[in-house]
Amino acid sequence: MYAAGYAIRPPPIRLWRHAGRWALAVLVILLVGWGLARSVIGDTAPTETTVVVQPGDTLWAIAATRYPDADPRERVEAIEQLNGLSGPRIEAGEVLRLPG
């Protein structure tokens, strides 16, 4: 039936024949995953825009107009921090940087 000692032989060399293919497949999967992550996250830093304050403008109105889907309180605070303002007071003609 079974030959004695058959099970104690070392594994055949052919098992290692595909190791290069497996390594290449893992490398391709990692590179594709990295590329997809970069496309979702984005390669570039968010861009800043500027706005010239018009008479009657407020930070609240600018935030509500420029970011309609966001909470204006958070955006007002972000605009204040980005421009180094100590409060919400702004002057007509002033150039404000807006976060991207």
PDB file of N, CA and C in Angstrom:
ATOM      1  N   MET A   1       0.810  -1.159   0.000  1.00  0.00           N
ATOM      2  CA  MET A   1       0.000   0.000   0.000  1.00  0.00           C
ATOM      3  C   MET A   1       0.875   1.251   0.000  1.00  0.00           C
ATOM      4  N   TYR A   2       1.214   1.746   1.184  1.00  0.00           N
ATOM      5  CA  TYR A   2       2.026   2.949   1.256  1.00  0.00           C
ATOM      6  C   TYR A   2       3.469   2.557   1.524  1.00  0.00           C
ATOM      7  N   ALA A   3       4.357   3.266   0.890  1.00  0.00           N
ATOM      8  CA  ALA A   3       5.769   2.991   1.097  1.00  0.00           C
ATOM      9  C   ALA A   3       6.209   3.626   2.410  1.00  0.00           C
ATOM     10  N   ALA A   4       6.996   2.929   3.154  1.00  0.00           N
ATOM     11  CA  ALA A   4       7.484   3.451   4.421  1.00  0.00           C
ATOM     12  C   ALA A   4       8.430   4.615   4.152  1.00  0.00           C
ATOM     13  N   GLY A   5       8.294   5.683   4.910  1.00  0.00           N
ATOM     14  CA  GLY A   5       9.175   6.823   4.775  1.00  0.00           C
ATOM     15  C   GLY A   5       8.705   7.840   3.732  1.00  0.00           C
ATOM     16  N   TYR A   6       7.589   7.584   3.100  1.00  0.00           N
ATOM     17  CA  TYR A   6       7.106   8.495   2.064  1.00  0.00           C
ATOM     18  C   TYR A   6       6.740   9.853   2.649  1.00  0.00           C
ATOM     19  N   ALA A   7       6.173   9.871   3.847  1.00  0.00           N
ATOM     20  CA  ALA A   7       5.697  11.114   4.437  1.00  0.00           C
ATOM     21  C   ALA A   7       6.811  11.945   5.062  1.00  0.00           C
ATOM     22  N   ILE A   8       8.005  11.399   5.202  1.00  0.00           N
ATOM     23  CA  ILE A   8       9.054  12.160   5.847  1.00  0.00           C
ATOM     24  C   ILE A   8       9.998  12.824   4.848  1.00  0.00           C
ATOM     25  N   ARG A   9       9.709  12.752   3.588  1.00  0.00           N
ATOM     26  CA  ARG A   9      10.536  13.425   2.591  1.00  0.00           C
ATOM     27  C   ARG A   9      10.316  14.929   2.675  1.00  0.00           C
ATOM     28  N   PRO A  10      11.321  15.734   2.339  1.00  0.00           N
ATOM     29  CA  PRO A  10      11.119  17.181   2.300  1.00  0.00           C
ATOM     30  C   PRO A  10      10.157  17.552   1.172  1.00  0.00           C
ATOM     31  N   PRO A  11       9.481  18.661   1.292  1.00  0.00           N
ATOM     32  CA  PRO A  11       8.542  19.035   0.236  1.00  0.00           C
ATOM     33  C   PRO A  11       9.279  19.232  -1.085  1.00  0.00           C
ATOM     34  N   PRO A  12       8.619  18.912  -2.164  1.00  0.00           N
ATOM     35  CA  PRO A  12       9.282  19.053  -3.454  1.00  0.00           C
ATOM     36  C   PRO A  12       9.610  20.521  -3.758  1.00  0.00           C
ATOM     37  N   ILE A  13      10.600  20.712  -4.577  1.00  0.00           N
ATOM     38  CA  ILE A  13      11.060  22.044  -4.950  1.00  0.00           C
ATOM     39  C   ILE A  13       9.966  22.816  -5.696  1.00  0.00           C
ATOM     40  N   ARG A  14       9.061  22.143  -6.346  1.00  0.00           N
ATOM     41  CA  ARG A  14       8.045  22.812  -7.160  1.00  0.00           C
ATOM     42  C   ARG A  14       7.115  23.715  -6.342  1.00  0.00           C
ATOM     43  N   LEU A  15       7.050  23.508  -5.025  1.00  0.00           N
ATOM     44  CA  LEU A  15       6.257  24.400  -4.194  1.00  0.00           C
ATOM     45  C   LEU A  15       6.837  25.806  -4.200  1.00  0.00           C
ATOM     46  N   TRP A  16       8.133  25.923  -4.309  1.00  0.00           N
ATOM     47  CA  TRP A  16       8.798  27.220  -4.297  1.00  0.00           C
ATOM     48  C   TRP A  16       8.825  27.871  -5.677  1.00  0.00           C
ATOM     49  N   ARG A  17       8.418  27.139  -6.686  1.00  0.00           N
ATOM     50  CA  ARG A  17       8.457  27.640  -8.046  1.00  0.00           C
ATOM     51  C   ARG A  17       7.550  28.863  -8.222  1.00  0.00           C
ATOM     52  N   HIS A  18       6.445  28.915  -7.510  1.00  0.00           N
ATOM     53  CA  HIS A  18       5.477  29.991  -7.658  1.00  0.00           C
ATOM     54  C   HIS A  18       5.655  31.117  -6.638  1.00  0.00           C
ATOM     55  N   ALA A  19       6.698  31.047  -5.847  1.00  0.00           N
ATOM     56  CA  ALA A  19       6.916  32.085  -4.826  1.00  0.00           C
ATOM     57  C   ALA A  19       7.101  33.458  -5.472  1.00  0.00           C
ATOM     58  N   GLY A  20       7.784  33.525  -6.581  1.00  0.00           N
ATOM     59  CA  GLY A  20       7.968  34.792  -7.281  1.00  0.00           C
ATOM     60  C   GLY A  20       6.653  35.363  -7.774  1.00  0.00           C
ATOM     61  N   ARG A  21       5.781  34.490  -8.254  1.00  0.00           N
ATOM     62  CA  ARG A  21       4.465  34.942  -8.716  1.00  0.00           C
ATOM     63  C   ARG A  21       3.632  35.487  -7.568  1.00  0.00           C
ATOM     64  N   TRP A  22       3.700  34.820  -6.428  1.00  0.00           N
ATOM     65  CA  TRP A  22       2.945  35.292  -5.264  1.00  0.00           C
ATOM     66  C   TRP A  22       3.471  36.640  -4.790  1.00  0.00           C
ATOM     67  N   ALA A  23       4.798  36.774  -4.777  1.00  0.00           N
ATOM     68  CA  ALA A  23       5.390  38.050  -4.358  1.00  0.00           C
ATOM     69  C   ALA A  23       4.987  39.165  -5.316  1.00  0.00           C
ATOM     70  N   LEU A  24       4.968  38.881  -6.607  1.00  0.00           N
ATOM     71  CA  LEU A  24       4.561  39.875  -7.594  1.00  0.00           C
ATOM     72  C   LEU A  24       3.086  40.233  -7.427  1.00  0.00           C
ATOM     73  N   ALA A  25       2.252  39.243  -7.163  1.00  0.00           N
ATOM     74  CA  ALA A  25       0.823  39.510  -6.963  1.00  0.00           C
ATOM     75  C   ALA A  25       0.596  40.387  -5.737  1.00  0.00           C
ATOM     76  N   VAL A  26       1.301  40.114  -4.656  1.00  0.00           N
ATOM     77  CA  VAL A  26       1.167  40.922  -3.440  1.00  0.00           C
ATOM     78  C   VAL A  26       1.643  42.346  -3.709  1.00  0.00           C
ATOM     79  N   LEU A  27       2.735  42.500  -4.446  1.00  0.00           N
ATOM     80  CA  LEU A  27       3.251  43.826  -4.779  1.00  0.00           C
ATOM     81  C   LEU A  27       2.241  44.602  -5.624  1.00  0.00           C
ATOM     82  N   VAL A  28       1.640  43.958  -6.596  1.00  0.00           N
ATOM     83  CA  VAL A  28       0.643  44.619  -7.446  1.00  0.00           C
ATOM     84  C   VAL A  28      -0.564  45.047  -6.621  1.00  0.00           C
ATOM     85  N   ILE A  29      -1.021  44.190  -5.736  1.00  0.00           N
ATOM     86  CA  ILE A  29      -2.174  44.521  -4.887  1.00  0.00           C
ATOM     87  C   ILE A  29      -1.851  45.720  -3.997  1.00  0.00           C
ATOM     88  N   LEU A  30      -0.653  45.745  -3.428  1.00  0.00           N
ATOM     89  CA  LEU A  30      -0.260  46.879  -2.584  1.00  0.00           C
ATOM     90  C   LEU A  30      -0.180  48.174  -3.386  1.00  0.00           C
ATOM     91  N   LEU A  31       0.376  48.123  -4.574  1.00  0.00           N
ATOM     92  CA  LEU A  31       0.482  49.328  -5.395  1.00  0.00           C
ATOM     93  C   LEU A  31      -0.882  49.837  -5.847  1.00  0.00           C
ATOM     94  N   VAL A  32      -1.775  48.933  -6.207  1.00  0.00           N
ATOM     95  CA  VAL A  32      -3.126  49.342  -6.605  1.00  0.00           C
ATOM     96  C   VAL A  32      -3.853  49.953  -5.417  1.00  0.00           C
ATOM     97  N   GLY A  33      -3.736  49.360  -4.248  1.00  0.00           N
ATOM     98  CA  GLY A  33      -4.361  49.911  -3.046  1.00  0.00           C
ATOM     99  C   GLY A  33      -3.810  51.282  -2.703  1.00  0.00           C
ATOM    100  N   TRP A  34      -2.506  51.461  -2.831  1.00  0.00           N
ATOM    101  CA  TRP A  34      -1.890  52.754  -2.563  1.00  0.00           C
ATOM    102  C   TRP A  34      -2.387  53.794  -3.555  1.00  0.00           C
ATOM    103  N   GLY A  35      -2.482  53.413  -4.828  1.00  0.00           N
ATOM    104  CA  GLY A  35      -2.975  54.341  -5.846  1.00  0.00           C
ATOM    105  C   GLY A  35      -4.416  54.745  -5.606  1.00  0.00           C
ATOM    106  N   LEU A  36      -5.253  53.792  -5.220  1.00  0.00           N
ATOM    107  CA  LEU A  36      -6.652  54.111  -4.931  1.00  0.00           C
ATOM    108  C   LEU A  36      -6.763  55.018  -3.709  1.00  0.00           C
ATOM    109  N   ALA A  37      -5.953  54.769  -2.706  1.00  0.00           N
ATOM    110  CA  ALA A  37      -5.985  55.619  -1.506  1.00  0.00           C
ATOM    111  C   ALA A  37      -5.567  57.039  -1.853  1.00  0.00           C
ATOM    112  N   ARG A  38      -4.547  57.190  -2.703  1.00  0.00           N
ATOM    113  CA  ARG A  38      -4.102  58.525  -3.097  1.00  0.00           C
ATOM    114  C   ARG A  38      -5.177  59.251  -3.891  1.00  0.00           C
ATOM    115  N   SER A  39      -5.930  58.516  -4.716  1.00  0.00           N
ATOM    116  CA  SER A  39      -6.969  59.182  -5.503  1.00  0.00           C
ATOM    117  C   SER A  39      -8.143  59.593  -4.624  1.00  0.00           C
ATOM    118  N   VAL A  40      -8.429  58.836  -3.590  1.00  0.00           N
ATOM    119  CA  VAL A  40      -9.520  59.193  -2.685  1.00  0.00           C
ATOM    120  C   VAL A  40      -9.109  60.355  -1.786  1.00  0.00           C
ATOM    121  N   ILE A  41      -7.918  60.278  -1.226  1.00  0.00           N
ATOM    122  CA  ILE A  41      -7.444  61.308  -0.314  1.00  0.00           C
ATOM    123  C   ILE A  41      -7.045  62.566  -1.084  1.00  0.00           C
ATOM    124  N   GLY A  42      -6.412  62.391  -2.205  1.00  0.00           N
ATOM    125  CA  GLY A  42      -5.971  63.526  -3.011  1.00  0.00           C
ATOM    126  C   GLY A  42      -4.490  63.784  -2.842  1.00  0.00           C
ATOM    127  N   ASP A  43      -3.867  64.247  -3.903  1.00  0.00           N
ATOM    128  CA  ASP A  43      -2.433  64.488  -3.885  1.00  0.00           C
ATOM    129  C   ASP A  43      -2.081  65.905  -3.455  1.00  0.00           C
ATOM    130  N   THR A  44      -2.972  66.845  -3.666  1.00  0.00           N
ATOM    131  CA  THR A  44      -2.625  68.238  -3.433  1.00  0.00           C
ATOM    132  C   THR A  44      -3.211  68.736  -2.125  1.00  0.00           C
ATOM    133  N   ALA A  45      -2.561  69.729  -1.592  1.00  0.00           N
ATOM    134  CA  ALA A  45      -3.057  70.362  -0.376  1.00  0.00           C
ATOM    135  C   ALA A  45      -4.286  71.205  -0.730  1.00  0.00           C
ATOM    136  N   PRO A  46      -5.189  71.382   0.216  1.00  0.00           N
ATOM    137  CA  PRO A  46      -6.352  72.205  -0.075  1.00  0.00           C
ATOM    138  C   PRO A  46      -5.928  73.625  -0.440  1.00  0.00           C
ATOM    139  N   THR A  47      -6.593  74.180  -1.410  1.00  0.00           N
ATOM    140  CA  THR A  47      -6.231  75.514  -1.865  1.00  0.00           C
ATOM    141  C   THR A  47      -6.985  76.562  -1.074  1.00  0.00           C
ATOM    142  N   GLU A  48      -6.350  77.695  -0.913  1.00  0.00           N
ATOM    143  CA  GLU A  48      -6.982  78.821  -0.236  1.00  0.00           C
ATOM    144  C   GLU A  48      -7.491  79.787  -1.293  1.00  0.00           C
ATOM    145  N   THR A  49      -8.590  80.426  -1.008  1.00  0.00           N
ATOM    146  CA  THR A  49      -9.102  81.470  -1.874  1.00  0.00           C
ATOM    147  C   THR A  49      -9.143  82.759  -1.071  1.00  0.00           C
ATOM    148  N   THR A  50      -9.266  83.859  -1.767  1.00  0.00           N
ATOM    149  CA  THR A  50      -9.351  85.142  -1.084  1.00  0.00           C
ATOM    150  C   THR A  50     -10.655  85.823  -1.450  1.00  0.00           C
ATOM    151  N   VAL A  51     -11.091  86.693  -0.569  1.00  0.00           N
ATOM    152  CA  VAL A  51     -12.298  87.481  -0.801  1.00  0.00           C
ATOM    153  C   VAL A  51     -12.037  88.892  -0.287  1.00  0.00           C
ATOM    154  N   VAL A  52     -12.520  89.871  -1.043  1.00  0.00           N
ATOM    155  CA  VAL A  52     -12.414  91.265  -0.605  1.00  0.00           C
ATOM    156  C   VAL A  52     -13.711  91.610   0.117  1.00  0.00           C
ATOM    157  N   VAL A  53     -13.581  92.088   1.336  1.00  0.00           N
ATOM    158  CA  VAL A  53     -14.745  92.408   2.161  1.00  0.00           C
ATOM    159  C   VAL A  53     -15.461  93.628   1.569  1.00  0.00           C
ATOM    160  N   GLN A  54     -16.750  93.482   1.339  1.00  0.00           N
ATOM    161  CA  GLN A  54     -17.583  94.560   0.811  1.00  0.00           C
ATOM    162  C   GLN A  54     -18.289  95.267   1.982  1.00  0.00           C
ATOM    163  N   PRO A  55     -18.734  96.493   1.778  1.00  0.00           N
ATOM    164  CA  PRO A  55     -19.469  97.180   2.849  1.00  0.00           C
ATOM    165  C   PRO A  55     -20.688  96.359   3.278  1.00  0.00           C
ATOM    166  N   GLY A  56     -20.851  96.180   4.560  1.00  0.00           N
ATOM    167  CA  GLY A  56     -21.977  95.420   5.099  1.00  0.00           C
ATOM    168  C   GLY A  56     -21.704  93.932   5.270  1.00  0.00           C
ATOM    169  N   ASP A  57     -20.567  93.439   4.773  1.00  0.00           N
ATOM    170  CA  ASP A  57     -20.238  92.016   4.936  1.00  0.00           C
ATOM    171  C   ASP A  57     -19.877  91.712   6.379  1.00  0.00           C
ATOM    172  N   THR A  58     -20.189  90.494   6.794  1.00  0.00           N
ATOM    173  CA  THR A  58     -19.770  89.979   8.097  1.00  0.00           C
ATOM    174  C   THR A  58     -19.098  88.635   7.872  1.00  0.00           C
ATOM    175  N   LEU A  59     -18.323  88.191   8.839  1.00  0.00           N
ATOM    176  CA  LEU A  59     -17.721  86.868   8.717  1.00  0.00           C
ATOM    177  C   LEU A  59     -18.797  85.794   8.622  1.00  0.00           C
ATOM    178  N   TRP A  60     -19.869  85.965   9.351  1.00  0.00           N
ATOM    179  CA  TRP A  60     -20.962  85.001   9.328  1.00  0.00           C
ATOM    180  C   TRP A  60     -21.556  84.910   7.925  1.00  0.00           C
ATOM    181  N   ALA A  61     -21.809  86.062   7.288  1.00  0.00           N
ATOM    182  CA  ALA A  61     -22.394  86.062   5.946  1.00  0.00           C
ATOM    183  C   ALA A  61     -21.433  85.456   4.924  1.00  0.00           C
ATOM    184  N   ILE A  62     -20.146  85.776   5.045  1.00  0.00           N
ATOM    185  CA  ILE A  62     -19.153  85.208   4.128  1.00  0.00           C
ATOM    186  C   ILE A  62     -19.092  83.698   4.296  1.00  0.00           C
ATOM    187  N   ALA A  63     -19.064  83.229   5.550  1.00  0.00           N
ATOM    188  CA  ALA A  63     -18.998  81.786   5.809  1.00  0.00           C
ATOM    189  C   ALA A  63     -20.248  81.083   5.309  1.00  0.00           C
ATOM    190  N   ALA A  64     -21.415  81.686   5.530  1.00  0.00           N
ATOM    191  CA  ALA A  64     -22.667  81.051   5.099  1.00  0.00           C
ATOM    192  C   ALA A  64     -22.767  81.009   3.573  1.00  0.00           C
ATOM    193  N   THR A  65     -22.252  82.035   2.897  1.00  0.00           N
ATOM    194  CA  THR A  65     -22.318  82.081   1.435  1.00  0.00           C
ATOM    195  C   THR A  65     -21.313  81.130   0.794  1.00  0.00           C
ATOM    196  N   ARG A  66     -20.093  81.141   1.287  1.00  0.00           N
ATOM    197  CA  ARG A  66     -19.027  80.334   0.684  1.00  0.00           C
ATOM    198  C   ARG A  66     -19.106  78.859   1.047  1.00  0.00           C
ATOM    199  N   TYR A  67     -19.659  78.544   2.196  1.00  0.00           N
ATOM    200  CA  TYR A  67     -19.733  77.155   2.674  1.00  0.00           C
ATOM    201  C   TYR A  67     -21.172  76.836   3.098  1.00  0.00           C
ATOM    202  N   PRO A  68     -22.092  76.691   2.147  1.00  0.00           N
ATOM    203  CA  PRO A  68     -23.501  76.511   2.514  1.00  0.00           C
ATOM    204  C   PRO A  68     -23.806  75.196   3.243  1.00  0.00           C
ATOM    205  N   ASP A  69     -22.977  74.181   3.072  1.00  0.00           N
ATOM    206  CA  ASP A  69     -23.247  72.883   3.711  1.00  0.00           C
ATOM    207  C   ASP A  69     -22.552  72.716   5.055  1.00  0.00           C
ATOM    208  N   ALA A  70     -21.792  73.716   5.475  1.00  0.00           N
ATOM    209  CA  ALA A  70     -21.032  73.602   6.716  1.00  0.00           C
ATOM    210  C   ALA A  70     -21.655  74.471   7.804  1.00  0.00           C
ATOM    211  N   ASP A  71     -21.260  74.202   9.032  1.00  0.00           N
ATOM    212  CA  ASP A  71     -21.703  74.998  10.167  1.00  0.00           C
ATOM    213  C   ASP A  71     -20.980  76.346  10.124  1.00  0.00           C
ATOM    214  N   PRO A  72     -21.696  77.461  10.008  1.00  0.00           N
ATOM    215  CA  PRO A  72     -21.031  78.773   9.902  1.00  0.00           C
ATOM    216  C   PRO A  72     -20.135  79.100  11.094  1.00  0.00           C
ATOM    217  N   ARG A  73     -20.475  78.613  12.283  1.00  0.00           N
ATOM    218  CA  ARG A  73     -19.651  78.897  13.466  1.00  0.00           C
ATOM    219  C   ARG A  73     -18.241  78.336  13.296  1.00  0.00           C
ATOM    220  N   GLU A  74     -18.159  77.109  12.773  1.00  0.00           N
ATOM    221  CA  GLU A  74     -16.846  76.490  12.576  1.00  0.00           C
ATOM    222  C   GLU A  74     -16.064  77.227  11.496  1.00  0.00           C
ATOM    223  N   ARG A  75     -16.754  77.639  10.448  1.00  0.00           N
ATOM    224  CA  ARG A  75     -16.076  78.342   9.352  1.00  0.00           C
ATOM    225  C   ARG A  75     -15.640  79.745   9.771  1.00  0.00           C
ATOM    226  N   VAL A  76     -16.434  80.432  10.558  1.00  0.00           N
ATOM    227  CA  VAL A  76     -16.038  81.755  11.052  1.00  0.00           C
ATOM    228  C   VAL A  76     -14.770  81.620  11.878  1.00  0.00           C
ATOM    229  N   GLU A  77     -14.723  80.622  12.738  1.00  0.00           N
ATOM    230  CA  GLU A  77     -13.539  80.395  13.563  1.00  0.00           C
ATOM    231  C   GLU A  77     -12.325  80.076  12.698  1.00  0.00           C
ATOM    232  N   ALA A  78     -12.506  79.261  11.656  1.00  0.00           N
ATOM    233  CA  ALA A  78     -11.399  78.911  10.762  1.00  0.00           C
ATOM    234  C   ALA A  78     -10.888  80.146  10.015  1.00  0.00           C
ATOM    235  N   ILE A  79     -11.796  80.996   9.566  1.00  0.00           N
ATOM    236  CA  ILE A  79     -11.396  82.227   8.865  1.00  0.00           C
ATOM    237  C   ILE A  79     -10.636  83.152   9.820  1.00  0.00           C
ATOM    238  N   GLU A  80     -11.119  83.275  11.049  1.00  0.00           N
ATOM    239  CA  GLU A  80     -10.432  84.108  12.041  1.00  0.00           C
ATOM    240  C   GLU A  80      -9.013  83.600  12.287  1.00  0.00           C
ATOM    241  N   GLN A  81      -8.861  82.296  12.475  1.00  0.00           N
ATOM    242  CA  GLN A  81      -7.538  81.730  12.745  1.00  0.00           C
ATOM    243  C   GLN A  81      -6.613  81.891  11.543  1.00  0.00           C
ATOM    244  N   LEU A  82      -7.119  81.660  10.337  1.00  0.00           N
ATOM    245  CA  LEU A  82      -6.300  81.736   9.136  1.00  0.00           C
ATOM    246  C   LEU A  82      -5.794  83.152   8.885  1.00  0.00           C
ATOM    247  N   ASN A  83      -6.606  84.142   9.242  1.00  0.00           N
ATOM    248  CA  ASN A  83      -6.241  85.530   8.996  1.00  0.00           C
ATOM    249  C   ASN A  83      -5.667  86.240  10.222  1.00  0.00           C
ATOM    250  N   GLY A  84      -5.546  85.541  11.329  1.00  0.00           N
ATOM    251  CA  GLY A  84      -4.981  86.127  12.532  1.00  0.00           C
ATOM    252  C   GLY A  84      -5.874  87.183  13.162  1.00  0.00           C
ATOM    253  N   LEU A  85      -7.172  87.014  13.040  1.00  0.00           N
ATOM    254  CA  LEU A  85      -8.123  87.969  13.616  1.00  0.00           C
ATOM    255  C   LEU A  85      -8.388  87.608  15.075  1.00  0.00           C
ATOM    256  N   SER A  86      -8.572  88.628  15.902  1.00  0.00           N
ATOM    257  CA  SER A  86      -8.862  88.369  17.314  1.00  0.00           C
ATOM    258  C   SER A  86     -10.360  88.336  17.584  1.00  0.00           C
ATOM    259  N   GLY A  87     -11.152  88.653  16.579  1.00  0.00           N
ATOM    260  CA  GLY A  87     -12.603  88.637  16.728  1.00  0.00           C
ATOM    261  C   GLY A  87     -13.254  88.722  15.351  1.00  0.00           C
ATOM    262  N   PRO A  88     -14.573  88.798  15.335  1.00  0.00           N
ATOM    263  CA  PRO A  88     -15.267  88.777  14.054  1.00  0.00           C
ATOM    264  C   PRO A  88     -15.342  90.130  13.344  1.00  0.00           C
ATOM    265  N   ARG A  89     -14.696  91.138  13.872  1.00  0.00           N
ATOM    266  CA  ARG A  89     -14.777  92.471  13.265  1.00  0.00           C
ATOM    267  C   ARG A  89     -13.876  92.553  12.033  1.00  0.00           C
ATOM    268  N   ILE A  90     -14.466  92.979  10.889  1.00  0.00           N
ATOM    269  CA  ILE A  90     -13.728  93.153   9.647  1.00  0.00           C
ATOM    270  C   ILE A  90     -14.089  94.494   9.033  1.00  0.00           C
ATOM    271  N   GLU A  91     -13.219  94.988   8.166  1.00  0.00           N
ATOM    272  CA  GLU A  91     -13.394  96.292   7.535  1.00  0.00           C
ATOM    273  C   GLU A  91     -13.626  96.116   6.037  1.00  0.00           C
ATOM    274  N   ALA A  92     -14.396  96.984   5.436  1.00  0.00           N
ATOM    275  CA  ALA A  92     -14.612  96.968   3.985  1.00  0.00           C
ATOM    276  C   ALA A  92     -13.275  97.206   3.287  1.00  0.00           C
ATOM    277  N   GLY A  93     -13.009  96.435   2.234  1.00  0.00           N
ATOM    278  CA  GLY A  93     -11.762  96.532   1.495  1.00  0.00           C
ATOM    279  C   GLY A  93     -10.688  95.581   1.987  1.00  0.00           C
ATOM    280  N   GLU A  94     -10.897  94.981   3.121  1.00  0.00           N
ATOM    281  CA  GLU A  94      -9.930  94.035   3.679  1.00  0.00           C
ATOM    282  C   GLU A  94      -9.949  92.756   2.858  1.00  0.00           C
ATOM    283  N   VAL A  95      -8.776  92.173   2.634  1.00  0.00           N
ATOM    284  CA  VAL A  95      -8.671  90.915   1.888  1.00  0.00           C
ATOM    285  C   VAL A  95      -8.546  89.783   2.890  1.00  0.00           C
ATOM    286  N   LEU A  96      -9.463  88.849   2.829  1.00  0.00           N
ATOM    287  CA  LEU A  96      -9.460  87.691   3.730  1.00  0.00           C
ATOM    288  C   LEU A  96      -9.108  86.432   2.955  1.00  0.00           C
ATOM    289  N   ARG A  97      -8.298  85.604   3.588  1.00  0.00           N
ATOM    290  CA  ARG A  97      -8.019  84.279   3.030  1.00  0.00           C
ATOM    291  C   ARG A  97      -9.083  83.333   3.582  1.00  0.00           C
ATOM    292  N   LEU A  98      -9.606  82.479   2.701  1.00  0.00           N
ATOM    293  CA  LEU A  98     -10.624  81.498   3.099  1.00  0.00           C
ATOM    294  C   LEU A  98     -10.028  80.106   2.980  1.00  0.00           C
ATOM    295  N   PRO A  99     -10.280  79.241   3.967  1.00  0.00           N
ATOM    296  CA  PRO A  99      -9.766  77.870   3.877  1.00  0.00           C
ATOM    297  C   PRO A  99     -10.426  77.114   2.731  1.00  0.00           C
ATOM    298  N   GLY A 100      -9.658  76.170   2.168  1.00  0.00           N
ATOM    299  CA  GLY A 100     -10.145  75.401   1.024  1.00  0.00           C
ATOM    300  C   GLY A 100     -11.162  74.366   1.361  1.00  0.00           C
TER     301      GLY A 100
END
